[in-house]
Amino acid sequence: MVSMMMRNLVEAALTAHGSRDRFADRMTKLAEQQDVYVDDNDVAAMAQLGERYVRETIRLLESCLTAAGQAHAETVLQPVISQCERFFLQPSRGLPDQVGLLGMICNAYLTRGLLYDVSEQTRMMRGFPLIAADPHAERGIIRRLIGSDLTEDLDMLIEEAATNPQLRFIASGTYVLQYSLRATGQVGDWSPSLQDEMSRCGAALGLSLG
C-alpha cells in the first residue's frame, strides 16, 4: 500500500486554503495566450480535474502494487513505487508550488512518466509493457495545461530518476511475469477517462489542450 504519510500529504495539499492559487494563475496565463476569457467557475472546473488527476495517480500506484502482488512480483515493482513516493515526499526545490495543486500535478506527472518509462523498458526486453494500460495517457494535456517549460524540467527529472541503478535494471527482473500488470487509476471501469474529461472541459471553455 502507498504510505499513509504520502496520502495525508497529498490530501492536505489539495484541500489547504489557497491550494489552487498557483494553478489559477497558470490557467489565467494559458487563457490569455489563447485569447480566451476564463472566470473563477471555469478555473474551479479545471482545478477539480487537476485534483482528480493527482488522486487517480495515487490510486494507480496502489493498483500497481495490488497487481504486482497477484503476480508475485512485489519486489520487482517496489523500487519504482518508492521513487514515485519520493517525488511527493521530497519534491525538487526547482519546482513551483510544492504544497499546492500545481505542485501535486507536477508530482503526479513525474510519477506517471516514470511508470511509463519503466513499462516501456519492459516492453523492449520482454515484448510486453510492465503495465497493460498507458499510465501516462494524459501527458499531452498536462503538458499544455502547465506549460512546456515546466514539463521539460519534469521530463529531465524523470530521465534522471530512471538512471538509478535499481530502476535501470528493473526490466531484467520481470522474468517472473507472464503478462503485463493490469493496473488502473480510474475510479471505475464505466467512468469517463480523465483524458476525455479534460479535453471536453477545455473545449467547453474555449481552450485548446490537444
N, C-alpha and C. Protein backbone atom coordinates (compact mmCIF):
# COMPACT_ATOMS: atom_id res chain seq x y z
N MET A 1 0.84 -1.20 0.00
CA MET A 1 0.00 0.00 0.00
C MET A 1 0.88 1.25 0.00
N VAL A 2 0.40 2.28 -0.68
CA VAL A 2 1.10 3.56 -0.66
C VAL A 2 1.11 4.09 0.78
N SER A 3 2.21 4.68 1.19
CA SER A 3 2.36 5.09 2.58
C SER A 3 1.30 6.10 3.00
N MET A 4 0.86 5.98 4.25
CA MET A 4 -0.13 6.90 4.79
C MET A 4 0.43 8.32 4.82
N MET A 5 1.73 8.46 5.02
CA MET A 5 2.35 9.78 5.03
C MET A 5 2.14 10.49 3.69
N MET A 6 2.34 9.74 2.62
CA MET A 6 2.16 10.31 1.30
C MET A 6 0.70 10.65 1.03
N ARG A 7 -0.19 9.75 1.38
CA ARG A 7 -1.63 10.00 1.17
C ARG A 7 -2.08 11.24 1.95
N ASN A 8 -1.63 11.36 3.19
CA ASN A 8 -2.01 12.51 4.01
C ASN A 8 -1.43 13.80 3.45
N LEU A 9 -0.19 13.74 2.97
CA LEU A 9 0.44 14.93 2.39
C LEU A 9 -0.34 15.41 1.17
N VAL A 10 -0.71 14.49 0.31
CA VAL A 10 -1.44 14.85 -0.91
C VAL A 10 -2.79 15.46 -0.56
N GLU A 11 -3.53 14.83 0.33
CA GLU A 11 -4.85 15.36 0.69
C GLU A 11 -4.75 16.72 1.36
N ALA A 12 -3.73 16.89 2.21
CA ALA A 12 -3.53 18.19 2.86
C ALA A 12 -3.22 19.26 1.83
N ALA A 13 -2.41 18.92 0.84
CA ALA A 13 -2.04 19.88 -0.20
C ALA A 13 -3.24 20.26 -1.06
N LEU A 14 -4.09 19.29 -1.35
CA LEU A 14 -5.23 19.56 -2.24
C LEU A 14 -6.37 20.29 -1.54
N THR A 15 -6.44 20.19 -0.23
CA THR A 15 -7.57 20.78 0.50
C THR A 15 -7.20 22.02 1.30
N ALA A 16 -5.92 22.38 1.30
CA ALA A 16 -5.49 23.54 2.07
C ALA A 16 -6.03 24.84 1.48
N HIS A 17 -6.22 25.84 2.34
CA HIS A 17 -6.66 27.15 1.86
C HIS A 17 -5.62 27.71 0.89
N GLY A 18 -6.08 28.15 -0.26
CA GLY A 18 -5.18 28.73 -1.25
C GLY A 18 -4.43 27.71 -2.09
N SER A 19 -4.80 26.43 -1.98
CA SER A 19 -4.06 25.39 -2.70
C SER A 19 -4.16 25.54 -4.22
N ARG A 20 -5.23 26.20 -4.67
CA ARG A 20 -5.44 26.34 -6.12
C ARG A 20 -4.87 27.63 -6.69
N ASP A 21 -4.29 28.48 -5.87
CA ASP A 21 -3.91 29.82 -6.33
C ASP A 21 -2.91 29.79 -7.48
N ARG A 22 -1.83 29.03 -7.33
CA ARG A 22 -0.81 28.98 -8.39
C ARG A 22 -1.37 28.33 -9.65
N PHE A 23 -2.23 27.34 -9.47
CA PHE A 23 -2.88 26.70 -10.61
C PHE A 23 -3.78 27.71 -11.32
N ALA A 24 -4.51 28.51 -10.55
CA ALA A 24 -5.38 29.53 -11.14
C ALA A 24 -4.58 30.54 -11.94
N ASP A 25 -3.42 30.93 -11.42
CA ASP A 25 -2.54 31.85 -12.16
C ASP A 25 -2.12 31.24 -13.49
N ARG A 26 -1.78 29.96 -13.47
CA ARG A 26 -1.37 29.29 -14.70
C ARG A 26 -2.53 29.22 -15.68
N MET A 27 -3.74 28.94 -15.19
CA MET A 27 -4.92 28.88 -16.06
C MET A 27 -5.18 30.23 -16.71
N THR A 28 -5.06 31.29 -15.93
CA THR A 28 -5.28 32.64 -16.47
C THR A 28 -4.26 32.95 -17.55
N LYS A 29 -3.01 32.58 -17.33
CA LYS A 29 -1.96 32.83 -18.31
C LYS A 29 -2.22 32.03 -19.59
N LEU A 30 -2.61 30.78 -19.44
CA LEU A 30 -2.91 29.94 -20.59
C LEU A 30 -4.05 30.53 -21.40
N ALA A 31 -5.09 30.99 -20.70
CA ALA A 31 -6.23 31.59 -21.39
C ALA A 31 -5.81 32.84 -22.15
N GLU A 32 -4.99 33.66 -21.54
CA GLU A 32 -4.51 34.87 -22.20
C GLU A 32 -3.70 34.54 -23.45
N GLN A 33 -2.90 33.49 -23.37
CA GLN A 33 -2.11 33.08 -24.53
C GLN A 33 -2.99 32.65 -25.69
N GLN A 34 -4.17 32.14 -25.38
CA GLN A 34 -5.08 31.66 -26.42
C GLN A 34 -6.23 32.63 -26.67
N ASP A 35 -6.13 33.85 -26.12
CA ASP A 35 -7.16 34.87 -26.29
C ASP A 35 -8.54 34.38 -25.86
N VAL A 36 -8.56 33.73 -24.72
CA VAL A 36 -9.80 33.20 -24.15
C VAL A 36 -9.99 33.81 -22.78
N TYR A 37 -11.23 34.10 -22.41
CA TYR A 37 -11.53 34.59 -21.07
C TYR A 37 -12.05 33.45 -20.21
N VAL A 38 -11.49 33.29 -19.02
CA VAL A 38 -11.99 32.30 -18.07
C VAL A 38 -12.29 33.00 -16.75
N ASP A 39 -13.40 32.60 -16.14
CA ASP A 39 -13.76 33.18 -14.84
C ASP A 39 -13.45 32.18 -13.73
N ASP A 40 -13.81 32.54 -12.52
CA ASP A 40 -13.49 31.69 -11.36
C ASP A 40 -14.12 30.32 -11.46
N ASN A 41 -15.34 30.25 -11.99
CA ASN A 41 -16.01 28.95 -12.14
C ASN A 41 -15.28 28.06 -13.15
N ASP A 42 -14.78 28.67 -14.22
CA ASP A 42 -14.03 27.91 -15.22
C ASP A 42 -12.75 27.33 -14.61
N VAL A 43 -12.06 28.17 -13.86
CA VAL A 43 -10.83 27.71 -13.21
C VAL A 43 -11.14 26.60 -12.22
N ALA A 44 -12.23 26.75 -11.48
CA ALA A 44 -12.61 25.73 -10.49
C ALA A 44 -12.89 24.40 -11.17
N ALA A 45 -13.53 24.44 -12.34
CA ALA A 45 -13.85 23.20 -13.06
C ALA A 45 -12.57 22.47 -13.47
N MET A 46 -11.58 23.22 -13.98
CA MET A 46 -10.33 22.60 -14.37
C MET A 46 -9.53 22.17 -13.15
N ALA A 47 -9.63 22.92 -12.06
CA ALA A 47 -8.92 22.55 -10.84
C ALA A 47 -9.43 21.22 -10.29
N GLN A 48 -10.74 21.00 -10.38
CA GLN A 48 -11.31 19.74 -9.92
C GLN A 48 -10.75 18.56 -10.72
N LEU A 49 -10.57 18.77 -12.03
CA LEU A 49 -9.99 17.72 -12.86
C LEU A 49 -8.51 17.53 -12.52
N GLY A 50 -7.83 18.62 -12.20
CA GLY A 50 -6.44 18.51 -11.77
C GLY A 50 -6.32 17.70 -10.50
N GLU A 51 -7.23 17.93 -9.56
CA GLU A 51 -7.23 17.17 -8.31
C GLU A 51 -7.53 15.70 -8.58
N ARG A 52 -8.43 15.46 -9.52
CA ARG A 52 -8.74 14.07 -9.88
C ARG A 52 -7.51 13.40 -10.48
N TYR A 53 -6.76 14.13 -11.29
CA TYR A 53 -5.53 13.60 -11.88
C TYR A 53 -4.55 13.16 -10.79
N VAL A 54 -4.41 13.96 -9.77
CA VAL A 54 -3.50 13.63 -8.68
C VAL A 54 -4.01 12.42 -7.91
N ARG A 55 -5.28 12.43 -7.56
CA ARG A 55 -5.83 11.32 -6.77
C ARG A 55 -5.82 10.02 -7.56
N GLU A 56 -6.09 10.09 -8.85
CA GLU A 56 -6.06 8.87 -9.66
C GLU A 56 -4.63 8.36 -9.81
N THR A 57 -3.66 9.24 -9.71
CA THR A 57 -2.27 8.80 -9.73
C THR A 57 -1.96 7.98 -8.49
N ILE A 58 -2.46 8.42 -7.35
CA ILE A 58 -2.26 7.64 -6.12
C ILE A 58 -2.95 6.28 -6.24
N ARG A 59 -4.17 6.29 -6.80
CA ARG A 59 -4.88 5.02 -6.99
C ARG A 59 -4.13 4.12 -7.98
N LEU A 60 -3.50 4.73 -8.98
CA LEU A 60 -2.73 3.95 -9.94
C LEU A 60 -1.58 3.23 -9.24
N LEU A 61 -0.87 3.94 -8.37
CA LEU A 61 0.22 3.31 -7.63
C LEU A 61 -0.30 2.14 -6.79
N GLU A 62 -1.42 2.34 -6.13
CA GLU A 62 -1.98 1.28 -5.30
C GLU A 62 -2.42 0.10 -6.15
N SER A 63 -2.98 0.40 -7.32
CA SER A 63 -3.42 -0.66 -8.22
C SER A 63 -2.22 -1.44 -8.75
N CYS A 64 -1.11 -0.74 -9.02
CA CYS A 64 0.11 -1.41 -9.47
C CYS A 64 0.61 -2.38 -8.40
N LEU A 65 0.58 -1.92 -7.16
CA LEU A 65 1.04 -2.77 -6.06
C LEU A 65 0.15 -4.01 -5.91
N THR A 66 -1.15 -3.81 -6.05
CA THR A 66 -2.09 -4.94 -5.96
C THR A 66 -1.84 -5.93 -7.08
N ALA A 67 -1.69 -5.40 -8.30
CA ALA A 67 -1.46 -6.28 -9.45
C ALA A 67 -0.12 -7.00 -9.33
N ALA A 68 0.89 -6.31 -8.82
CA ALA A 68 2.20 -6.94 -8.63
C ALA A 68 2.12 -8.06 -7.59
N GLY A 69 1.34 -7.82 -6.53
CA GLY A 69 1.16 -8.85 -5.51
C GLY A 69 0.50 -10.09 -6.08
N GLN A 70 -0.50 -9.89 -6.92
CA GLN A 70 -1.19 -11.02 -7.54
C GLN A 70 -0.28 -11.80 -8.46
N ALA A 71 0.72 -11.09 -9.03
CA ALA A 71 1.67 -11.74 -9.95
C ALA A 71 2.94 -12.18 -9.23
N HIS A 72 2.95 -12.04 -7.90
CA HIS A 72 4.13 -12.40 -7.09
C HIS A 72 5.38 -11.64 -7.56
N ALA A 73 5.18 -10.37 -7.84
CA ALA A 73 6.29 -9.54 -8.35
C ALA A 73 6.44 -8.26 -7.55
N GLU A 74 6.10 -8.30 -6.26
CA GLU A 74 6.19 -7.09 -5.44
C GLU A 74 7.60 -6.54 -5.39
N THR A 75 8.59 -7.42 -5.25
CA THR A 75 9.97 -6.95 -5.12
C THR A 75 10.47 -6.29 -6.40
N VAL A 76 9.91 -6.69 -7.53
CA VAL A 76 10.29 -6.09 -8.81
C VAL A 76 9.80 -4.64 -8.88
N LEU A 77 8.59 -4.43 -8.42
CA LEU A 77 7.96 -3.12 -8.57
C LEU A 77 8.31 -2.15 -7.45
N GLN A 78 8.68 -2.64 -6.29
CA GLN A 78 8.84 -1.77 -5.13
C GLN A 78 9.82 -0.61 -5.34
N PRO A 79 10.97 -0.81 -6.01
CA PRO A 79 11.86 0.34 -6.22
C PRO A 79 11.20 1.47 -7.00
N VAL A 80 10.34 1.12 -7.93
CA VAL A 80 9.63 2.14 -8.71
C VAL A 80 8.64 2.89 -7.82
N ILE A 81 7.88 2.15 -7.03
CA ILE A 81 6.91 2.77 -6.13
C ILE A 81 7.62 3.69 -5.14
N SER A 82 8.75 3.24 -4.63
CA SER A 82 9.49 4.04 -3.66
C SER A 82 9.95 5.36 -4.27
N GLN A 83 10.42 5.32 -5.51
CA GLN A 83 10.84 6.54 -6.18
C GLN A 83 9.65 7.46 -6.43
N CYS A 84 8.52 6.89 -6.81
CA CYS A 84 7.31 7.70 -7.03
C CYS A 84 6.88 8.39 -5.74
N GLU A 85 6.98 7.70 -4.64
CA GLU A 85 6.65 8.32 -3.35
C GLU A 85 7.61 9.46 -3.04
N ARG A 86 8.88 9.30 -3.39
CA ARG A 86 9.84 10.37 -3.14
C ARG A 86 9.52 11.63 -3.95
N PHE A 87 8.93 11.47 -5.12
CA PHE A 87 8.52 12.64 -5.90
C PHE A 87 7.60 13.54 -5.07
N PHE A 88 6.72 12.91 -4.29
CA PHE A 88 5.76 13.66 -3.47
C PHE A 88 6.37 14.09 -2.14
N LEU A 89 7.11 13.18 -1.51
CA LEU A 89 7.60 13.45 -0.16
C LEU A 89 8.87 14.30 -0.15
N GLN A 90 9.65 14.25 -1.23
CA GLN A 90 10.89 15.02 -1.32
C GLN A 90 10.95 15.73 -2.67
N PRO A 91 10.03 16.66 -2.91
CA PRO A 91 9.96 17.31 -4.23
C PRO A 91 11.20 18.13 -4.54
N SER A 92 11.50 18.23 -5.81
CA SER A 92 12.64 19.03 -6.25
C SER A 92 12.42 20.49 -5.89
N ARG A 93 13.45 21.13 -5.38
CA ARG A 93 13.33 22.53 -4.96
C ARG A 93 13.11 23.46 -6.16
N GLY A 94 13.44 22.99 -7.34
CA GLY A 94 13.27 23.84 -8.52
C GLY A 94 11.85 23.90 -9.04
N LEU A 95 10.95 23.08 -8.48
CA LEU A 95 9.58 23.06 -8.97
C LEU A 95 8.72 24.06 -8.21
N PRO A 96 7.74 24.65 -8.88
CA PRO A 96 6.89 25.65 -8.22
C PRO A 96 5.81 25.00 -7.35
N ASP A 97 5.32 25.77 -6.39
CA ASP A 97 4.13 25.38 -5.65
C ASP A 97 4.22 23.97 -5.07
N GLN A 98 5.17 23.75 -4.21
CA GLN A 98 5.41 22.40 -3.70
C GLN A 98 4.30 21.90 -2.78
N VAL A 99 3.48 22.79 -2.27
CA VAL A 99 2.44 22.36 -1.33
C VAL A 99 1.04 22.71 -1.81
N GLY A 100 0.88 22.95 -3.11
CA GLY A 100 -0.42 23.28 -3.67
C GLY A 100 -0.78 22.38 -4.84
N LEU A 101 -1.91 22.66 -5.48
CA LEU A 101 -2.40 21.83 -6.56
C LEU A 101 -1.41 21.74 -7.72
N LEU A 102 -0.85 22.87 -8.13
CA LEU A 102 0.07 22.84 -9.26
C LEU A 102 1.26 21.93 -8.95
N GLY A 103 1.78 22.01 -7.75
CA GLY A 103 2.90 21.15 -7.36
C GLY A 103 2.51 19.69 -7.34
N MET A 104 1.31 19.37 -6.86
CA MET A 104 0.85 17.99 -6.83
C MET A 104 0.66 17.45 -8.24
N ILE A 105 0.20 18.29 -9.16
CA ILE A 105 0.07 17.87 -10.56
C ILE A 105 1.45 17.54 -11.13
N CYS A 106 2.44 18.37 -10.80
CA CYS A 106 3.82 18.10 -11.24
C CYS A 106 4.31 16.76 -10.71
N ASN A 107 4.06 16.49 -9.43
CA ASN A 107 4.49 15.22 -8.84
C ASN A 107 3.78 14.03 -9.48
N ALA A 108 2.49 14.22 -9.79
CA ALA A 108 1.74 13.15 -10.45
C ALA A 108 2.28 12.91 -11.86
N TYR A 109 2.64 13.98 -12.55
CA TYR A 109 3.23 13.85 -13.89
C TYR A 109 4.55 13.08 -13.82
N LEU A 110 5.37 13.41 -12.83
CA LEU A 110 6.63 12.69 -12.64
C LEU A 110 6.39 11.20 -12.39
N THR A 111 5.43 10.92 -11.55
CA THR A 111 5.10 9.54 -11.21
C THR A 111 4.66 8.76 -12.43
N ARG A 112 3.72 9.33 -13.17
CA ARG A 112 3.21 8.64 -14.35
C ARG A 112 4.29 8.51 -15.42
N GLY A 113 5.13 9.54 -15.53
CA GLY A 113 6.20 9.48 -16.52
C GLY A 113 7.20 8.38 -16.22
N LEU A 114 7.54 8.22 -14.94
CA LEU A 114 8.48 7.16 -14.56
C LEU A 114 7.85 5.78 -14.77
N LEU A 115 6.59 5.62 -14.40
CA LEU A 115 5.91 4.35 -14.62
C LEU A 115 5.89 4.01 -16.11
N TYR A 116 5.66 5.02 -16.93
CA TYR A 116 5.64 4.79 -18.39
C TYR A 116 7.02 4.37 -18.88
N ASP A 117 8.06 5.06 -18.39
CA ASP A 117 9.42 4.76 -18.82
C ASP A 117 9.80 3.32 -18.47
N VAL A 118 9.52 2.93 -17.24
CA VAL A 118 9.85 1.57 -16.81
C VAL A 118 9.01 0.54 -17.57
N SER A 119 7.75 0.89 -17.82
CA SER A 119 6.87 0.00 -18.56
C SER A 119 7.40 -0.25 -19.97
N GLU A 120 7.89 0.82 -20.61
CA GLU A 120 8.42 0.69 -21.96
C GLU A 120 9.75 -0.07 -21.97
N GLN A 121 10.55 0.09 -20.93
CA GLN A 121 11.78 -0.71 -20.83
C GLN A 121 11.45 -2.20 -20.81
N THR A 122 10.40 -2.53 -20.09
CA THR A 122 9.96 -3.92 -20.03
C THR A 122 9.49 -4.40 -21.39
N ARG A 123 8.77 -3.52 -22.11
CA ARG A 123 8.30 -3.89 -23.45
C ARG A 123 9.48 -4.26 -24.37
N MET A 124 10.53 -3.44 -24.29
CA MET A 124 11.69 -3.69 -25.15
C MET A 124 12.39 -5.00 -24.80
N MET A 125 12.39 -5.35 -23.50
CA MET A 125 13.10 -6.55 -23.08
C MET A 125 12.23 -7.80 -23.16
N ARG A 126 10.95 -7.67 -22.80
CA ARG A 126 10.09 -8.85 -22.71
C ARG A 126 9.08 -8.98 -23.83
N GLY A 127 8.87 -7.89 -24.57
CA GLY A 127 7.88 -7.94 -25.65
C GLY A 127 6.50 -7.49 -25.21
N PHE A 128 6.33 -7.15 -23.93
CA PHE A 128 5.07 -6.58 -23.44
C PHE A 128 5.39 -5.56 -22.36
N PRO A 129 4.56 -4.53 -22.22
CA PRO A 129 4.84 -3.48 -21.22
C PRO A 129 4.62 -3.99 -19.81
N LEU A 130 5.27 -3.35 -18.85
CA LEU A 130 5.06 -3.74 -17.45
C LEU A 130 3.62 -3.50 -17.04
N ILE A 131 3.05 -2.38 -17.48
CA ILE A 131 1.67 -2.02 -17.13
C ILE A 131 0.83 -2.06 -18.39
N ALA A 132 -0.26 -2.80 -18.37
CA ALA A 132 -1.06 -3.02 -19.58
C ALA A 132 -1.62 -1.71 -20.14
N ALA A 133 -2.24 -0.90 -19.28
CA ALA A 133 -2.79 0.38 -19.73
C ALA A 133 -1.71 1.44 -19.70
N ASP A 134 -1.79 2.41 -20.60
CA ASP A 134 -0.83 3.50 -20.63
C ASP A 134 -0.96 4.32 -19.35
N PRO A 135 0.07 4.34 -18.48
CA PRO A 135 -0.05 5.08 -17.23
C PRO A 135 0.13 6.58 -17.40
N HIS A 136 0.49 7.00 -18.60
CA HIS A 136 0.81 8.41 -18.84
C HIS A 136 -0.03 8.96 -20.00
N ALA A 137 -1.26 8.47 -20.12
CA ALA A 137 -2.09 8.81 -21.28
C ALA A 137 -2.42 10.30 -21.36
N GLU A 138 -2.47 10.98 -20.21
CA GLU A 138 -2.85 12.39 -20.20
C GLU A 138 -1.67 13.33 -20.39
N ARG A 139 -0.49 12.79 -20.71
CA ARG A 139 0.71 13.63 -20.71
C ARG A 139 0.59 14.83 -21.66
N GLY A 140 0.00 14.65 -22.84
CA GLY A 140 -0.12 15.76 -23.77
C GLY A 140 -0.96 16.90 -23.21
N ILE A 141 -2.06 16.56 -22.57
CA ILE A 141 -2.94 17.56 -21.99
C ILE A 141 -2.27 18.26 -20.81
N ILE A 142 -1.61 17.49 -19.96
CA ILE A 142 -0.94 18.09 -18.81
C ILE A 142 0.18 19.02 -19.26
N ARG A 143 0.90 18.62 -20.29
CA ARG A 143 1.96 19.48 -20.81
C ARG A 143 1.40 20.83 -21.25
N ARG A 144 0.28 20.81 -21.96
CA ARG A 144 -0.34 22.06 -22.40
C ARG A 144 -0.87 22.85 -21.20
N LEU A 145 -1.41 22.14 -20.24
CA LEU A 145 -2.04 22.78 -19.10
C LEU A 145 -1.02 23.52 -18.24
N ILE A 146 0.12 22.90 -17.96
CA ILE A 146 1.07 23.53 -17.04
C ILE A 146 2.22 24.23 -17.75
N GLY A 147 2.32 24.06 -19.06
CA GLY A 147 3.33 24.80 -19.82
C GLY A 147 4.52 23.97 -20.22
N SER A 148 5.05 24.24 -21.41
CA SER A 148 6.14 23.44 -21.96
C SER A 148 7.44 23.59 -21.17
N ASP A 149 7.72 24.79 -20.67
CA ASP A 149 8.97 24.99 -19.92
C ASP A 149 9.00 24.10 -18.68
N LEU A 150 7.89 24.08 -17.95
CA LEU A 150 7.83 23.29 -16.73
C LEU A 150 7.89 21.80 -17.05
N THR A 151 7.18 21.36 -18.08
CA THR A 151 7.18 19.93 -18.38
C THR A 151 8.54 19.48 -18.91
N GLU A 152 9.28 20.36 -19.55
CA GLU A 152 10.64 20.00 -19.96
C GLU A 152 11.50 19.72 -18.72
N ASP A 153 11.34 20.54 -17.69
CA ASP A 153 12.05 20.30 -16.43
C ASP A 153 11.63 18.97 -15.81
N LEU A 154 10.33 18.69 -15.86
CA LEU A 154 9.82 17.44 -15.29
C LEU A 154 10.36 16.24 -16.06
N ASP A 155 10.40 16.34 -17.38
CA ASP A 155 10.90 15.22 -18.19
C ASP A 155 12.37 14.95 -17.87
N MET A 156 13.13 16.00 -17.59
CA MET A 156 14.54 15.82 -17.22
C MET A 156 14.65 15.10 -15.87
N LEU A 157 13.75 15.43 -14.94
CA LEU A 157 13.76 14.76 -13.63
C LEU A 157 13.40 13.28 -13.78
N ILE A 158 12.49 12.98 -14.70
CA ILE A 158 12.13 11.58 -14.95
C ILE A 158 13.33 10.82 -15.49
N GLU A 159 14.02 11.43 -16.46
CA GLU A 159 15.21 10.78 -17.02
C GLU A 159 16.26 10.56 -15.94
N GLU A 160 16.42 11.54 -15.08
CA GLU A 160 17.41 11.43 -14.00
C GLU A 160 17.05 10.29 -13.05
N ALA A 161 15.76 10.22 -12.69
CA ALA A 161 15.32 9.16 -11.77
C ALA A 161 15.50 7.78 -12.39
N ALA A 162 15.28 7.69 -13.70
CA ALA A 162 15.37 6.40 -14.39
C ALA A 162 16.79 5.87 -14.45
N THR A 163 17.78 6.74 -14.19
CA THR A 163 19.17 6.28 -14.21
C THR A 163 19.60 5.62 -12.90
N ASN A 164 18.72 5.68 -11.89
CA ASN A 164 19.00 4.97 -10.64
C ASN A 164 19.27 3.50 -10.94
N PRO A 165 20.39 2.94 -10.44
CA PRO A 165 20.72 1.54 -10.77
C PRO A 165 19.59 0.57 -10.51
N GLN A 166 18.83 0.79 -9.43
CA GLN A 166 17.73 -0.11 -9.13
C GLN A 166 16.66 -0.07 -10.21
N LEU A 167 16.49 1.09 -10.82
CA LEU A 167 15.45 1.23 -11.84
C LEU A 167 15.95 0.89 -13.23
N ARG A 168 17.22 1.13 -13.49
CA ARG A 168 17.77 0.87 -14.81
C ARG A 168 17.66 -0.61 -15.19
N PHE A 169 17.75 -1.46 -14.19
CA PHE A 169 17.76 -2.89 -14.48
C PHE A 169 16.48 -3.59 -14.01
N ILE A 170 15.43 -2.81 -13.78
CA ILE A 170 14.21 -3.42 -13.27
C ILE A 170 13.57 -4.34 -14.31
N ALA A 171 13.70 -3.97 -15.59
CA ALA A 171 13.09 -4.80 -16.63
C ALA A 171 13.65 -6.21 -16.63
N SER A 172 14.93 -6.34 -16.24
CA SER A 172 15.54 -7.68 -16.22
C SER A 172 14.93 -8.55 -15.13
N GLY A 173 14.28 -7.92 -14.15
CA GLY A 173 13.66 -8.70 -13.07
C GLY A 173 12.25 -9.13 -13.38
N THR A 174 11.73 -8.72 -14.52
CA THR A 174 10.34 -9.04 -14.85
C THR A 174 10.20 -10.43 -15.46
N TYR A 175 11.25 -11.22 -15.39
CA TYR A 175 11.14 -12.60 -15.89
C TYR A 175 10.07 -13.37 -15.14
N VAL A 176 9.72 -12.90 -13.94
CA VAL A 176 8.70 -13.59 -13.15
C VAL A 176 7.30 -13.35 -13.71
N LEU A 177 7.16 -12.36 -14.60
CA LEU A 177 5.84 -12.03 -15.15
C LEU A 177 5.56 -12.82 -16.42
N GLN A 178 4.33 -13.24 -16.56
CA GLN A 178 3.89 -13.90 -17.79
C GLN A 178 3.12 -12.93 -18.69
N TYR A 179 2.70 -11.82 -18.11
CA TYR A 179 1.95 -10.82 -18.87
C TYR A 179 2.01 -9.51 -18.11
N SER A 180 1.51 -8.44 -18.74
CA SER A 180 1.54 -7.11 -18.15
C SER A 180 0.67 -7.04 -16.90
N LEU A 181 1.04 -6.15 -15.99
CA LEU A 181 0.22 -5.89 -14.81
C LEU A 181 -1.00 -5.10 -15.23
N ARG A 182 -2.16 -5.57 -14.85
CA ARG A 182 -3.40 -4.87 -15.21
C ARG A 182 -3.77 -3.92 -14.08
N ALA A 183 -3.18 -2.74 -14.15
CA ALA A 183 -3.37 -1.73 -13.11
C ALA A 183 -4.02 -0.50 -13.73
N THR A 184 -4.86 0.14 -12.96
CA THR A 184 -5.52 1.35 -13.44
C THR A 184 -5.76 2.30 -12.28
N GLY A 185 -5.79 3.58 -12.58
CA GLY A 185 -6.10 4.57 -11.55
C GLY A 185 -7.52 5.05 -11.62
N GLN A 186 -8.28 4.54 -12.60
CA GLN A 186 -9.65 5.02 -12.79
C GLN A 186 -10.53 4.65 -11.59
N VAL A 187 -11.51 5.52 -11.34
CA VAL A 187 -12.45 5.26 -10.25
C VAL A 187 -13.24 4.00 -10.53
N GLY A 188 -13.67 3.81 -11.75
CA GLY A 188 -14.43 2.63 -12.13
C GLY A 188 -14.35 2.42 -13.63
N ASP A 189 -14.59 1.19 -14.06
CA ASP A 189 -14.45 0.89 -15.48
C ASP A 189 -15.42 1.67 -16.35
N TRP A 190 -16.52 2.15 -15.75
CA TRP A 190 -17.54 2.81 -16.55
C TRP A 190 -17.44 4.33 -16.49
N SER A 191 -16.49 4.85 -15.74
CA SER A 191 -16.36 6.31 -15.65
C SER A 191 -15.61 6.85 -16.86
N PRO A 192 -15.94 8.08 -17.29
CA PRO A 192 -15.20 8.67 -18.41
C PRO A 192 -13.73 8.80 -18.06
N SER A 193 -12.86 8.60 -19.04
CA SER A 193 -11.44 8.72 -18.76
C SER A 193 -11.12 10.17 -18.44
N LEU A 194 -10.11 10.35 -17.63
CA LEU A 194 -9.70 11.70 -17.25
C LEU A 194 -9.25 12.48 -18.48
N GLN A 195 -8.60 11.81 -19.40
CA GLN A 195 -8.15 12.45 -20.63
C GLN A 195 -9.34 13.04 -21.40
N ASP A 196 -10.41 12.25 -21.52
CA ASP A 196 -11.60 12.72 -22.23
C ASP A 196 -12.25 13.87 -21.48
N GLU A 197 -12.31 13.77 -20.16
CA GLU A 197 -12.95 14.81 -19.36
C GLU A 197 -12.19 16.12 -19.46
N MET A 198 -10.86 16.06 -19.43
CA MET A 198 -10.06 17.27 -19.54
C MET A 198 -10.23 17.92 -20.92
N SER A 199 -10.23 17.09 -21.95
CA SER A 199 -10.43 17.62 -23.30
C SER A 199 -11.79 18.26 -23.44
N ARG A 200 -12.82 17.60 -22.92
CA ARG A 200 -14.17 18.13 -23.01
C ARG A 200 -14.31 19.45 -22.27
N CYS A 201 -13.77 19.48 -21.05
CA CYS A 201 -13.87 20.69 -20.24
C CYS A 201 -13.10 21.83 -20.89
N GLY A 202 -11.90 21.56 -21.39
CA GLY A 202 -11.12 22.59 -22.06
C GLY A 202 -11.83 23.14 -23.27
N ALA A 203 -12.42 22.25 -24.07
CA ALA A 203 -13.15 22.69 -25.25
C ALA A 203 -14.35 23.55 -24.89
N ALA A 204 -15.03 23.19 -23.81
CA ALA A 204 -16.18 23.97 -23.37
C ALA A 204 -15.79 25.38 -22.95
N LEU A 205 -14.55 25.53 -22.46
CA LEU A 205 -14.06 26.84 -22.06
C LEU A 205 -13.40 27.59 -23.21
N GLY A 206 -13.26 26.90 -24.35
CA GLY A 206 -12.60 27.53 -25.48
C GLY A 206 -11.11 27.36 -25.49
N LEU A 207 -10.58 26.49 -24.61
CA LEU A 207 -9.14 26.27 -24.51
C LEU A 207 -8.72 25.06 -25.33
N SER A 208 -7.61 25.17 -26.01
CA SER A 208 -7.04 24.05 -26.75
C SER A 208 -6.05 23.33 -25.85
N LEU A 209 -6.36 22.08 -25.52
CA LEU A 209 -5.48 21.29 -24.66
C LEU A 209 -4.94 20.08 -25.40
N GLY A 210 -5.18 20.03 -26.71
CA GLY A 210 -4.74 18.88 -27.51
C GLY A 210 -3.29 18.97 -27.89
